N, C-alpha and C. Protein backbone atom coordinates (compact mmCIF):
# COMPACT_ATOMS: atom_id res chain seq x y z
N UNK A 1 -29.51 36.31 -21.35
CA UNK A 1 -31.22 36.70 -22.13
C UNK A 1 -31.23 38.07 -22.47
N UNK A 2 -31.16 38.75 -23.57
CA UNK A 2 -31.70 39.95 -23.94
C UNK A 2 -32.79 40.50 -23.77
N UNK A 3 -33.13 41.65 -23.54
CA UNK A 3 -34.46 42.15 -23.54
C UNK A 3 -35.25 42.21 -24.86
N UNK A 4 -34.66 42.04 -25.61
CA UNK A 4 -35.58 41.78 -26.93
C UNK A 4 -35.40 40.62 -26.76
N UNK A 5 -35.64 39.08 -26.23
CA UNK A 5 -35.93 38.32 -25.90
C UNK A 5 -36.85 37.65 -25.25
N UNK A 6 -37.04 38.92 -24.03
CA UNK A 6 -37.90 38.83 -22.98
C UNK A 6 -39.68 38.61 -22.94
N UNK A 7 -40.29 38.16 -22.68
CA UNK A 7 -41.83 37.91 -22.53
C UNK A 7 -42.24 39.43 -22.59
N UNK A 8 -42.90 39.88 -23.67
CA UNK A 8 -44.03 41.35 -23.82
C UNK A 8 -44.99 41.51 -23.33
N UNK A 9 -45.94 42.37 -22.91
CA UNK A 9 -47.38 42.32 -22.33
C UNK A 9 -47.57 43.64 -22.61
N UNK A 10 -48.34 43.56 -23.76
CA UNK A 10 -48.91 45.02 -24.39
C UNK A 10 -49.52 45.68 -23.52
N UNK A 11 -50.54 44.79 -22.80
CA UNK A 11 -51.48 45.77 -21.64
C UNK A 11 -50.50 46.14 -19.94
N UNK A 12 -49.44 45.46 -20.08
CA UNK A 12 -48.78 46.19 -18.85
C UNK A 12 -47.70 47.32 -19.25
N UNK A 13 -47.41 47.33 -20.80
CA UNK A 13 -47.31 48.50 -21.91
C UNK A 13 -47.99 49.74 -21.85
N UNK A 14 -49.02 49.43 -21.69
CA UNK A 14 -50.11 50.88 -21.91
C UNK A 14 -50.46 51.12 -20.67
N UNK A 15 -50.45 50.25 -19.28
CA UNK A 15 -51.29 50.78 -17.99
C UNK A 15 -49.90 50.97 -17.22
N UNK A 16 -48.66 50.85 -17.62
CA UNK A 16 -47.69 51.79 -16.57
C UNK A 16 -47.27 52.52 -16.30
N UNK A 17 -47.95 53.60 -17.32
CA UNK A 17 -48.32 55.35 -16.66
C UNK A 17 -48.90 55.37 -15.81
N UNK A 18 -50.10 55.36 -16.24
CA UNK A 18 -51.15 55.70 -15.58
C UNK A 18 -50.98 54.99 -14.23
N UNK A 19 -50.49 53.70 -13.87
CA UNK A 19 -50.49 53.29 -12.46
C UNK A 19 -49.37 53.90 -11.75
N UNK A 20 -47.97 54.31 -12.28
CA UNK A 20 -47.27 54.86 -11.96
C UNK A 20 -47.64 56.47 -11.19
N UNK A 21 -48.74 56.62 -11.91
CA UNK A 21 -48.89 58.07 -11.83
C UNK A 21 -50.15 58.08 -10.33
N UNK A 22 -50.78 56.40 -10.83
CA UNK A 22 -51.04 57.26 -8.51
C UNK A 22 -50.53 56.40 -8.39
N UNK A 23 -49.14 55.32 -8.36
CA UNK A 23 -48.85 54.96 -7.07
C UNK A 23 -47.95 56.17 -6.30
N UNK A 24 -47.31 56.88 -7.48
CA UNK A 24 -46.68 58.49 -7.01
C UNK A 24 -46.98 59.17 -5.95
N UNK A 25 -48.24 59.10 -6.55
CA UNK A 25 -49.07 59.82 -4.87
C UNK A 25 -49.92 59.32 -3.80
N UNK A 26 -50.04 58.05 -4.29
CA UNK A 26 -50.10 56.82 -2.74
C UNK A 26 -48.88 56.78 -1.78
N UNK A 27 -47.92 56.65 -2.71
CA UNK A 27 -46.62 55.98 -1.89
C UNK A 27 -45.55 57.34 -1.49
N UNK A 28 -45.14 56.75 -0.29
CA UNK A 28 -43.67 58.54 -0.22
C UNK A 28 -42.85 57.84 -1.28
N UNK A 29 -41.50 59.11 -1.48
CA UNK A 29 -40.98 58.37 -2.19
C UNK A 29 -40.14 57.63 -1.56
N UNK A 30 -39.63 57.27 -0.64
CA UNK A 30 -39.23 56.28 -0.09
C UNK A 30 -40.14 55.22 0.21
N UNK A 31 -39.98 53.73 0.09
CA UNK A 31 -40.60 52.52 0.58
C UNK A 31 -39.91 51.29 -0.43
N UNK A 32 -40.46 50.45 0.86
CA UNK A 32 -40.13 48.92 -0.10
C UNK A 32 -41.73 48.44 -0.12
N UNK A 33 -41.71 47.63 -1.00
CA UNK A 33 -42.94 47.86 -1.99
C UNK A 33 -42.55 46.09 -2.46
N UNK A 34 -43.59 45.37 -2.03
CA UNK A 34 -43.69 43.98 -2.61
C UNK A 34 -44.73 43.85 -3.63
N UNK A 35 -44.08 43.12 -4.39
CA UNK A 35 -45.00 42.77 -6.18
C UNK A 35 -45.61 41.55 -5.92
N UNK A 36 -47.01 41.58 -6.06
CA UNK A 36 -47.40 39.99 -6.27
C UNK A 36 -47.72 39.82 -7.47
N UNK A 37 -47.13 38.67 -7.88
CA UNK A 37 -47.59 38.28 -9.28
C UNK A 37 -47.32 39.44 -10.44
N UNK A 38 -45.50 39.33 -10.38
CA UNK A 38 -44.79 40.40 -11.70
C UNK A 38 -44.88 39.84 -12.86
N UNK A 39 -45.63 39.04 -13.25
CA UNK A 39 -45.66 38.84 -14.63
C UNK A 39 -43.95 38.36 -15.51
N UNK A 40 -44.18 39.85 -16.34
CA UNK A 40 -43.24 39.94 -17.49
C UNK A 40 -42.07 41.10 -16.87
N UNK A 41 -42.39 41.68 -15.62
CA UNK A 41 -41.56 42.05 -14.96
C UNK A 41 -41.61 43.82 -15.22
N UNK A 42 -42.22 44.34 -16.32
CA UNK A 42 -42.61 45.52 -17.21
C UNK A 42 -42.81 47.01 -15.99
N UNK A 43 -43.85 46.40 -15.14
CA UNK A 43 -44.16 47.19 -14.11
C UNK A 43 -42.92 47.38 -13.19
N UNK A 44 -42.54 46.05 -12.92
CA UNK A 44 -41.44 46.48 -11.99
C UNK A 44 -40.04 47.34 -12.29
N UNK A 45 -40.30 47.24 -13.92
CA UNK A 45 -38.57 48.10 -13.98
C UNK A 45 -38.97 49.37 -14.30
N UNK A 46 -40.19 49.62 -14.92
CA UNK A 46 -40.62 51.08 -15.43
C UNK A 46 -40.47 51.62 -13.62
N UNK A 47 -41.36 51.39 -12.73
CA UNK A 47 -41.64 51.87 -11.64
C UNK A 47 -40.31 51.93 -10.93
N UNK A 48 -39.57 50.72 -10.78
CA UNK A 48 -38.36 50.79 -10.24
C UNK A 48 -37.64 52.01 -10.76
N UNK A 49 -36.73 52.22 -11.83
CA UNK A 49 -36.65 52.99 -12.67
C UNK A 49 -36.99 54.53 -12.65
N UNK A 50 -38.43 54.85 -12.34
CA UNK A 50 -39.16 56.25 -12.28
C UNK A 50 -38.77 56.64 -11.03
N UNK A 51 -38.75 55.69 -9.96
CA UNK A 51 -38.38 56.08 -8.16
C UNK A 51 -37.56 55.43 -7.91
N UNK A 52 -36.41 56.14 -7.88
CA UNK A 52 -35.55 55.25 -7.59
C UNK A 52 -35.28 55.38 -5.47
N UNK A 53 -36.22 55.91 -5.20
CA UNK A 53 -36.55 55.61 -3.29
C UNK A 53 -37.33 54.18 -3.45
N UNK A 54 -37.73 53.91 -4.28
CA UNK A 54 -38.49 52.87 -4.22
C UNK A 54 -37.54 51.45 -3.84
N UNK A 55 -38.02 50.41 -2.98
CA UNK A 55 -36.96 49.02 -3.13
C UNK A 55 -38.14 48.22 -3.47
N UNK A 56 -38.08 47.46 -4.59
CA UNK A 56 -39.06 46.86 -5.03
C UNK A 56 -38.69 45.19 -5.50
N UNK A 57 -39.73 44.74 -4.51
CA UNK A 57 -39.38 43.19 -4.82
C UNK A 57 -40.51 42.59 -5.26
N UNK A 58 -40.11 42.55 -6.31
CA UNK A 58 -40.89 41.17 -7.27
C UNK A 58 -40.89 39.77 -6.64
N UNK A 59 -41.76 38.92 -7.22
CA UNK A 59 -42.19 37.60 -6.80
C UNK A 59 -43.26 37.23 -8.29
N UNK A 60 -43.19 35.91 -8.56
CA UNK A 60 -44.20 35.03 -9.08
C UNK A 60 -44.48 34.02 -8.65
N UNK A 61 -45.33 33.25 -8.87
CA UNK A 61 -45.77 31.96 -8.66
C UNK A 61 -44.82 30.58 -8.80
N UNK A 62 -44.28 30.57 -10.51
CA UNK A 62 -43.35 29.64 -11.25
C UNK A 62 -41.74 30.43 -11.27
N UNK A 63 -41.11 28.86 -10.87
CA UNK A 63 -39.74 29.41 -10.90
C UNK A 63 -38.99 29.81 -12.50
N UNK A 64 -40.07 29.26 -13.19
CA UNK A 64 -39.91 29.28 -14.39
C UNK A 64 -39.68 31.06 -14.70
N UNK A 65 -40.18 31.96 -14.11
CA UNK A 65 -40.82 33.32 -14.56
C UNK A 65 -39.45 34.01 -13.57
N UNK A 66 -39.02 33.53 -12.84
CA UNK A 66 -37.62 34.57 -12.08
C UNK A 66 -36.79 34.78 -12.56
N UNK A 67 -35.72 34.15 -13.81
CA UNK A 67 -34.91 34.75 -14.70
C UNK A 67 -35.47 35.87 -15.31
N UNK A 68 -36.75 35.54 -16.31
CA UNK A 68 -37.19 36.51 -16.80
C UNK A 68 -37.23 38.32 -15.98
N UNK A 69 -37.48 38.00 -14.93
CA UNK A 69 -37.78 39.13 -14.21
C UNK A 69 -36.42 39.51 -13.45
N UNK A 70 -35.48 38.84 -13.62
CA UNK A 70 -34.24 39.11 -13.44
C UNK A 70 -33.69 39.94 -14.19
N UNK A 71 -33.67 39.62 -15.72
CA UNK A 71 -32.91 39.91 -16.56
C UNK A 71 -33.71 41.40 -16.90
N UNK A 72 -34.65 41.37 -16.96
CA UNK A 72 -35.21 42.68 -16.84
C UNK A 72 -35.21 43.80 -16.26
N UNK A 73 -35.02 43.56 -15.16
CA UNK A 73 -34.66 44.23 -13.93
C UNK A 73 -32.70 44.62 -13.72
N UNK A 74 -32.39 44.01 -14.31
CA UNK A 74 -30.99 44.16 -13.87
C UNK A 74 -30.15 45.04 -13.49
N UNK A 75 -30.55 45.95 -14.37
CA UNK A 75 -29.79 47.41 -14.02
C UNK A 75 -30.39 48.14 -13.39
N UNK A 76 -30.91 47.61 -12.47
CA UNK A 76 -31.91 48.52 -11.65
C UNK A 76 -31.63 48.04 -10.52
N UNK A 77 -30.96 48.99 -8.98
CA UNK A 77 -30.10 48.42 -8.30
C UNK A 77 -31.37 48.79 -7.29
N UNK A 78 -32.72 49.09 -7.22
CA UNK A 78 -33.33 49.05 -6.29
C UNK A 78 -34.40 48.30 -6.59
N UNK A 79 -34.41 47.26 -7.27
CA UNK A 79 -34.73 45.94 -7.55
C UNK A 79 -34.21 44.94 -7.09
N UNK A 80 -34.91 44.12 -6.01
CA UNK A 80 -34.29 43.06 -5.13
C UNK A 80 -34.28 41.71 -6.32
N UNK A 81 -33.93 40.82 -6.28
CA UNK A 81 -33.52 39.61 -7.08
C UNK A 81 -35.47 38.97 -6.63
N UNK A 82 -36.01 38.48 -7.87
CA UNK A 82 -37.23 38.26 -8.01
C UNK A 82 -37.19 36.97 -6.65
N UNK A 83 -38.42 36.70 -6.67
CA UNK A 83 -38.20 35.60 -5.05
C UNK A 83 -39.68 34.61 -5.56
N UNK A 84 -39.66 33.60 -5.76
CA UNK A 84 -40.89 32.91 -5.64
C UNK A 84 -42.05 32.61 -4.48
N UNK A 85 -43.07 33.38 -4.90
CA UNK A 85 -44.28 33.25 -3.98
C UNK A 85 -45.62 32.90 -4.98
N UNK A 86 -46.39 31.73 -4.51
CA UNK A 86 -47.43 31.47 -4.88
C UNK A 86 -48.76 31.55 -3.76
N UNK A 87 -49.60 32.36 -4.22
CA UNK A 87 -50.14 32.83 -3.20
C UNK A 87 -51.22 31.46 -2.63
N UNK A 88 -51.40 30.40 -3.48
CA UNK A 88 -51.87 29.19 -2.90
C UNK A 88 -50.93 27.92 -3.01
N UNK A 89 -49.71 28.56 -2.51
CA UNK A 89 -49.41 27.37 -1.72
C UNK A 89 -48.31 27.80 -0.68
N UNK A 90 -49.29 28.38 0.40
CA UNK A 90 -48.30 28.73 1.92
C UNK A 90 -47.11 27.64 2.36
N UNK A 91 -46.32 27.44 2.89
CA UNK A 91 -46.14 29.19 3.31
C UNK A 91 -45.48 30.13 2.93
N UNK A 92 -45.56 31.55 2.89
CA UNK A 92 -45.24 32.46 1.71
C UNK A 92 -43.70 32.70 2.45
N UNK A 93 -42.87 33.27 1.92
CA UNK A 93 -42.08 34.29 1.91
C UNK A 93 -42.34 35.60 2.55
N UNK A 94 -41.03 36.27 3.35
CA UNK A 94 -41.61 37.82 3.60
C UNK A 94 -41.74 38.12 5.19
N UNK A 95 -40.96 38.69 5.94
CA UNK A 95 -41.34 38.30 7.21
C UNK A 95 -42.37 39.65 7.73
N UNK A 96 -43.23 39.70 8.72
CA UNK A 96 -44.02 40.54 9.11
C UNK A 96 -43.64 41.85 9.32
N UNK A 97 -44.24 42.61 8.81
CA UNK A 97 -44.07 44.02 9.00
C UNK A 97 -42.86 44.65 7.88
N UNK A 98 -42.82 43.58 7.01
CA UNK A 98 -41.74 44.34 6.35
C UNK A 98 -41.88 45.15 5.02
N UNK A 99 -43.06 45.41 4.45
CA UNK A 99 -42.89 46.10 3.54
C UNK A 99 -44.22 46.98 3.94
N UNK A 100 -43.93 48.79 3.33
CA UNK A 100 -44.90 49.87 3.13
C UNK A 100 -45.94 49.70 2.58
N UNK A 101 -45.46 49.06 1.14
CA UNK A 101 -47.03 48.64 0.02
C UNK A 101 -46.76 47.02 -0.27
N UNK A 102 -48.33 46.93 -0.59
CA UNK A 102 -47.89 45.17 -1.14
C UNK A 102 -48.66 45.91 -2.94
N UNK A 103 -48.51 46.08 -4.08
CA UNK A 103 -48.73 46.10 -5.63
C UNK A 103 -49.14 44.70 -5.83
N UNK A 104 -50.06 44.75 -6.73
CA UNK A 104 -50.81 43.48 -7.84
C UNK A 104 -51.62 44.12 -8.58
N UNK A 105 -51.39 43.53 -9.81
CA UNK A 105 -52.36 44.00 -10.53
C UNK A 105 -52.49 43.10 -11.44
N UNK A 106 -53.67 42.54 -12.11
CA UNK A 106 -54.39 42.03 -12.80
C UNK A 106 -54.38 40.30 -12.62
N UNK A 107 -54.53 39.75 -11.42
CA UNK A 107 -54.46 38.94 -11.00
C UNK A 107 -55.84 37.70 -10.63
N UNK A 108 -56.46 38.89 -9.99
CA UNK A 108 -57.59 38.12 -8.88
C UNK A 108 -58.50 37.76 -10.60
N UNK A 109 -58.66 38.05 -11.24
CA UNK A 109 -59.81 37.81 -12.46
C UNK A 109 -59.50 36.54 -12.84
N UNK A 110 -57.98 36.21 -12.93
CA UNK A 110 -57.44 35.00 -13.95
C UNK A 110 -56.60 33.86 -12.96
N UNK A 111 -57.31 34.13 -12.05
CA UNK A 111 -57.43 33.18 -10.72
C UNK A 111 -58.32 32.36 -10.07
N UNK A 112 -58.38 31.00 -9.35
CA UNK A 112 -59.22 30.64 -8.42
C UNK A 112 -59.67 31.78 -7.41
N UNK A 113 -61.05 31.82 -7.26
CA UNK A 113 -61.21 33.22 -6.04
C UNK A 113 -60.77 32.71 -4.67
N UNK A 114 -60.46 31.70 -4.54
CA UNK A 114 -59.01 31.13 -3.19
C UNK A 114 -58.07 32.25 -2.96
N UNK A 115 -57.64 32.88 -4.25
CA UNK A 115 -56.45 33.33 -4.25
C UNK A 115 -56.80 34.93 -3.87
N UNK A 116 -58.10 35.10 -3.66
CA UNK A 116 -58.22 36.63 -3.26
C UNK A 116 -58.19 36.74 -1.68
N UNK A 117 -58.74 35.42 -1.05
CA UNK A 117 -58.22 35.50 0.31
C UNK A 117 -56.74 35.51 1.00
N UNK A 118 -55.95 34.53 0.09
CA UNK A 118 -54.23 34.46 0.35
C UNK A 118 -53.66 35.97 0.60
N UNK A 119 -54.30 36.14 -1.08
CA UNK A 119 -53.70 37.66 -1.41
C UNK A 119 -53.97 38.83 0.15
N UNK A 120 -55.06 38.55 0.50
CA UNK A 120 -55.57 39.45 1.76
C UNK A 120 -54.50 38.69 3.11
N UNK A 121 -54.19 37.84 3.24
CA UNK A 121 -54.03 37.13 4.50
C UNK A 121 -52.35 37.50 4.13
N UNK A 122 -51.42 37.48 2.84
CA UNK A 122 -50.07 37.85 3.11
C UNK A 122 -49.98 39.45 3.08
N UNK A 123 -50.75 40.23 2.66
CA UNK A 123 -50.57 41.36 2.58
C UNK A 123 -50.92 42.38 4.45
N UNK A 124 -51.74 41.67 4.81
CA UNK A 124 -52.08 41.68 6.37
C UNK A 124 -50.84 41.35 6.98
N UNK A 125 -50.22 40.42 6.87
CA UNK A 125 -48.94 39.95 7.42
C UNK A 125 -47.68 40.18 7.16
N UNK A 126 -47.45 41.24 5.94
CA UNK A 126 -46.24 42.18 5.36
C UNK A 126 -46.64 43.29 5.55
N UNK A 127 -47.71 44.39 5.77
CA UNK A 127 -47.09 45.33 5.59
C UNK A 127 -47.26 45.81 6.95
N UNK A 128 -46.63 47.17 6.69
CA UNK A 128 -45.98 47.72 7.96
C UNK A 128 -47.44 48.48 8.63
N UNK A 129 -48.05 48.64 9.78
CA UNK A 129 -49.15 49.31 10.19
C UNK A 129 -49.47 50.41 9.48
N UNK A 130 -50.78 50.84 8.77
CA UNK A 130 -50.95 52.03 7.97
C UNK A 130 -50.68 51.48 6.70
N UNK A 131 -49.42 50.63 6.47
CA UNK A 131 -49.13 49.90 5.34
C UNK A 131 -50.51 50.12 3.72
N UNK A 132 -49.87 49.69 3.08
CA UNK A 132 -51.50 49.86 1.92
C UNK A 132 -51.20 48.93 1.00
N UNK A 133 -52.23 48.07 0.61
CA UNK A 133 -52.56 47.11 -0.56
C UNK A 133 -52.97 48.10 -1.51
N UNK A 134 -52.82 47.53 -2.55
CA UNK A 134 -53.01 48.21 -4.01
C UNK A 134 -53.14 47.28 -5.37
N UNK A 135 -54.61 47.10 -5.74
CA UNK A 135 -54.96 46.44 -6.24
C UNK A 135 -55.58 46.72 -7.58
N UNK A 136 -54.98 46.62 -8.50
CA UNK A 136 -55.31 47.00 -9.83
C UNK A 136 -56.08 46.34 -11.02
N UNK A 137 -57.07 46.01 -11.48
CA UNK A 137 -57.78 45.39 -12.25
C UNK A 137 -59.22 45.81 -12.74
N UNK A 138 -59.67 45.13 -13.76
CA UNK A 138 -61.50 45.02 -13.94
C UNK A 138 -62.08 44.33 -12.58
N UNK A 139 -62.67 45.18 -12.06
CA UNK A 139 -63.98 44.61 -11.20
C UNK A 139 -65.63 45.01 -11.66
N UNK A 140 -66.11 44.13 -11.22
CA UNK A 140 -67.58 44.32 -11.25
C UNK A 140 -68.08 45.67 -9.65
N UNK A 141 -68.68 46.26 -10.00
CA UNK A 141 -69.31 46.85 -8.75
C UNK A 141 -71.05 47.27 -8.43
N UNK A 142 -71.37 46.84 -7.43
CA UNK A 142 -72.53 46.82 -7.49
C UNK A 142 -73.02 48.03 -7.55
N UNK A 143 -74.08 48.45 -8.58
CA UNK A 143 -74.99 49.13 -8.51
C UNK A 143 -74.25 50.23 -9.67
N UNK A 144 -73.36 49.90 -10.44
CA UNK A 144 -72.84 50.74 -11.63
C UNK A 144 -73.11 49.62 -12.71
N UNK A 145 -73.24 49.90 -13.67
CA UNK A 145 -72.95 49.55 -15.06
C UNK A 145 -71.98 49.05 -15.54
N UNK A 146 -71.91 47.77 -15.79
CA UNK A 146 -70.54 47.29 -16.17
C UNK A 146 -70.33 47.39 -17.57
N UNK A 147 -69.06 48.01 -17.91
CA UNK A 147 -68.65 48.26 -19.42
C UNK A 147 -68.87 46.77 -20.05
N UNK A 148 -69.28 47.05 -21.21
CA UNK A 148 -69.74 45.62 -22.54
C UNK A 148 -68.28 45.35 -22.47
N UNK A 149 -67.33 45.89 -22.70
CA UNK A 149 -66.51 45.18 -23.06
C UNK A 149 -66.03 44.51 -21.86
N UNK A 150 -65.77 44.62 -20.61
CA UNK A 150 -65.69 44.20 -19.45
C UNK A 150 -66.27 42.89 -19.42
N UNK A 151 -67.84 42.93 -19.80
CA UNK A 151 -68.47 41.75 -19.75
C UNK A 151 -68.08 40.80 -20.85
N UNK A 152 -67.69 41.31 -22.07
CA UNK A 152 -66.91 40.30 -22.89
C UNK A 152 -65.95 39.36 -22.53
N UNK A 153 -65.27 40.20 -21.66
CA UNK A 153 -63.65 39.70 -21.48
C UNK A 153 -64.71 38.83 -20.23
N UNK A 154 -65.58 39.12 -19.05
CA UNK A 154 -65.86 38.32 -17.70
C UNK A 154 -66.05 36.89 -18.85
N UNK A 155 -67.14 36.67 -19.78
CA UNK A 155 -67.21 35.88 -20.40
C UNK A 155 -66.53 35.09 -20.82
N UNK A 156 -65.29 35.64 -21.49
CA UNK A 156 -64.42 34.88 -22.19
C UNK A 156 -63.58 33.82 -21.32
N UNK A 157 -63.10 34.82 -19.97
CA UNK A 157 -62.37 34.41 -18.73
C UNK A 157 -62.81 32.97 -18.20
N UNK A 158 -64.02 33.18 -18.16
CA UNK A 158 -64.96 31.71 -17.40
C UNK A 158 -65.40 30.69 -18.37
N UNK A 159 -64.81 30.79 -19.87
CA UNK A 159 -65.45 29.59 -20.69
C UNK A 159 -63.84 29.31 -20.54
N UNK A 160 -62.97 30.03 -20.41
CA UNK A 160 -61.73 29.41 -20.17
C UNK A 160 -61.26 28.89 -19.43
N UNK A 161 -61.81 29.11 -18.31
CA UNK A 161 -61.57 28.07 -16.79
C UNK A 161 -62.64 29.00 -15.78
N UNK A 162 -63.96 27.69 -15.62
CA UNK A 162 -64.52 28.30 -14.77
C UNK A 162 -64.95 28.96 -12.93
N UNK A 163 -63.20 28.94 -12.77
CA UNK A 163 -62.60 29.15 -11.48
C UNK A 163 -62.38 30.53 -12.03
N UNK A 164 -62.58 31.09 -13.16
CA UNK A 164 -62.20 32.61 -13.18
C UNK A 164 -63.30 33.90 -13.59
N UNK A 165 -62.81 34.84 -13.63
CA UNK A 165 -64.23 35.60 -14.02
C UNK A 165 -63.61 37.14 -13.01
N UNK A 166 -64.34 38.37 -13.41
CA UNK A 166 -64.15 39.45 -12.59
C UNK A 166 -65.20 39.09 -11.45
N UNK A 167 -64.21 39.89 -10.69
CA UNK A 167 -64.89 39.65 -8.98
C UNK A 167 -65.51 41.22 -8.95
N UNK A 168 -66.59 40.95 -8.12
CA UNK A 168 -67.27 41.83 -7.48
C UNK A 168 -66.42 42.66 -6.61
N UNK A 169 -66.72 44.15 -6.69
CA UNK A 169 -65.62 45.01 -5.23
C UNK A 169 -66.10 45.01 -4.43
N UNK A 170 -67.36 44.22 -3.77
CA UNK A 170 -68.01 43.96 -2.46
C UNK A 170 -67.05 43.06 -1.66
N UNK A 171 -67.13 41.91 -2.73
CA UNK A 171 -66.56 40.35 -2.18
C UNK A 171 -65.30 40.67 -2.20
N UNK A 172 -64.52 41.30 -2.59
CA UNK A 172 -62.99 41.49 -1.98
C UNK A 172 -62.97 42.43 -1.38
N UNK A 173 -63.67 43.42 -1.22
CA UNK A 173 -63.49 44.33 0.43
C UNK A 173 -64.04 43.55 1.16
N UNK A 174 -64.86 42.71 1.19
CA UNK A 174 -65.21 41.74 2.24
C UNK A 174 -64.11 41.01 2.84
N UNK A 175 -63.77 40.41 1.79
CA UNK A 175 -62.42 39.45 2.08
C UNK A 175 -60.89 40.68 2.99
N UNK A 176 -60.48 41.40 2.41
CA UNK A 176 -60.10 42.52 3.27
C UNK A 176 -60.14 42.61 4.35
N UNK A 177 -61.34 42.90 4.60
CA UNK A 177 -61.64 43.38 6.43
C UNK A 177 -61.59 41.72 6.91
N UNK A 178 -61.94 40.83 6.63
CA UNK A 178 -61.47 39.59 7.15
C UNK A 178 -59.95 39.23 8.46
N UNK A 179 -59.11 40.25 6.97
CA UNK A 179 -57.08 40.42 7.42
C UNK A 179 -57.37 41.21 7.71
N UNK A 180 -57.99 42.37 8.62
CA UNK A 180 -57.74 43.57 8.77
C UNK A 180 -57.60 44.99 8.16
N UNK A 181 -58.08 44.72 6.42
CA UNK A 181 -57.49 45.60 5.83
C UNK A 181 -58.87 46.15 5.31
N UNK A 182 -58.90 47.68 5.72
CA UNK A 182 -60.05 48.54 4.90
C UNK A 182 -59.71 49.21 3.28
N UNK A 183 -61.06 49.29 2.73
CA UNK A 183 -60.62 50.20 1.27
C UNK A 183 -60.70 51.50 1.60
N UNK A 184 -60.10 51.91 1.51
CA UNK A 184 -59.80 53.63 1.36
C UNK A 184 -60.14 54.07 0.29
N UNK A 185 -59.90 53.54 -0.61
CA UNK A 185 -59.89 54.74 -1.90
C UNK A 185 -60.14 54.02 -3.13
N UNK A 186 -60.89 54.46 -3.94
CA UNK A 186 -61.25 53.58 -5.50
C UNK A 186 -60.92 54.79 -6.69
N UNK A 187 -59.94 54.25 -7.25
CA UNK A 187 -59.54 54.95 -8.81
C UNK A 187 -59.46 54.54 -9.81
N UNK A 188 -60.53 55.17 -10.60
CA UNK A 188 -60.77 55.03 -11.96
C UNK A 188 -59.68 55.01 -13.00
N UNK A 189 -59.42 53.98 -13.59
CA UNK A 189 -58.24 54.13 -14.36
C UNK A 189 -58.65 53.71 -15.83
N UNK A 190 -58.12 54.21 -17.00
CA UNK A 190 -58.37 53.74 -18.52
C UNK A 190 -58.28 52.54 -18.41
N UNK A 191 -59.13 52.11 -19.48
CA UNK A 191 -59.67 50.94 -20.03
C UNK A 191 -60.37 50.22 -19.02
N UNK A 192 -61.58 50.64 -18.66
CA UNK A 192 -62.76 50.42 -17.37
C UNK A 192 -62.00 49.39 -16.36
N UNK A 193 -60.54 49.77 -15.97
CA UNK A 193 -59.77 48.91 -14.99
C UNK A 193 -60.23 49.82 -13.76
N UNK A 194 -59.52 49.76 -12.97
CA UNK A 194 -59.75 50.22 -11.19
C UNK A 194 -58.71 50.17 -10.43
N UNK A 195 -58.14 50.89 -9.28
CA UNK A 195 -56.95 50.85 -8.37
C UNK A 195 -57.60 50.39 -7.08
N UNK A 196 -57.83 49.78 -6.56
CA UNK A 196 -58.14 49.72 -4.80
C UNK A 196 -57.17 49.92 -4.45
N UNK A 197 -57.01 50.59 -2.89
CA UNK A 197 -56.13 50.85 -2.34
C UNK A 197 -56.76 50.69 -0.82
N UNK A 198 -56.06 49.34 -0.26
CA UNK A 198 -56.49 49.04 1.01
C UNK A 198 -55.71 49.35 2.17
N UNK A 199 -55.68 50.01 3.19
CA UNK A 199 -54.61 49.92 4.47
C UNK A 199 -55.00 49.59 5.08
N UNK A 200 -53.79 48.66 6.08
CA UNK A 200 -53.91 47.89 7.25
C UNK A 200 -53.88 48.59 8.49
N UNK A 201 -54.52 48.60 8.98
CA UNK A 201 -54.81 49.41 10.20
C UNK A 201 -54.32 49.39 11.33
N UNK A 202 -53.91 50.62 12.33
CA UNK A 202 -52.70 50.15 13.14
C UNK A 202 -53.45 49.42 14.22
N UNK A 203 -52.49 48.59 15.13
CA UNK A 203 -52.73 47.80 16.15
C UNK A 203 -53.83 48.30 17.04
N UNK A 204 -54.81 48.56 17.65
CA UNK A 204 -55.39 49.02 18.55
C UNK A 204 -54.72 49.12 20.01
N UNK A 205 -54.23 50.38 20.64
CA UNK A 205 -53.71 50.17 22.09
C UNK A 205 -54.32 49.49 23.02
N UNK A 206 -53.12 49.24 24.02
CA UNK A 206 -53.66 48.66 25.03
C UNK A 206 -55.05 49.39 25.65
N UNK A 207 -56.00 48.67 26.34
CA UNK A 207 -56.78 49.44 27.14
C UNK A 207 -56.34 49.48 28.68
């Protein structure tokens, strides 16, 4: 399978540069990163090539996606072999406390709402104390106008599957808090997207 034969996402190609800029500010030069819903692997390949100190673990829900990810990242020694991870089908891979960051792009609005709670649970179980969950995509923010393009996108998603649709930032943050993750930063991104930064609190010292 050559790169010319691989599936290609125009959206991932457009947003990879601004997302990388944000990640380089947020993450140390050396980091273990778990990506959930790696899709075509374009993000994994771009980020790992730009930051050789990042050890990148791509995952996807379907077995059929794994050869695509492996082929796209074949020449990158800091990308681990892709693994299957279906948020709605536990048990999940990964040892607790094994990653400095979890990255997930453009998933929550094209999956059932239960995916959000599962994402928070996986992140809480795999992040080191102080580690960060980074969630990219379009969101609805209470008290702020939603862009017309996002309103149209939301309507299209719900017409395709009533379980889909743009998520309220407040609802996502509430799910994160249930699992010990705090929203610490919200970064505006191109095309009316956001990068949400959640931090896993360090355990309380014994009394």
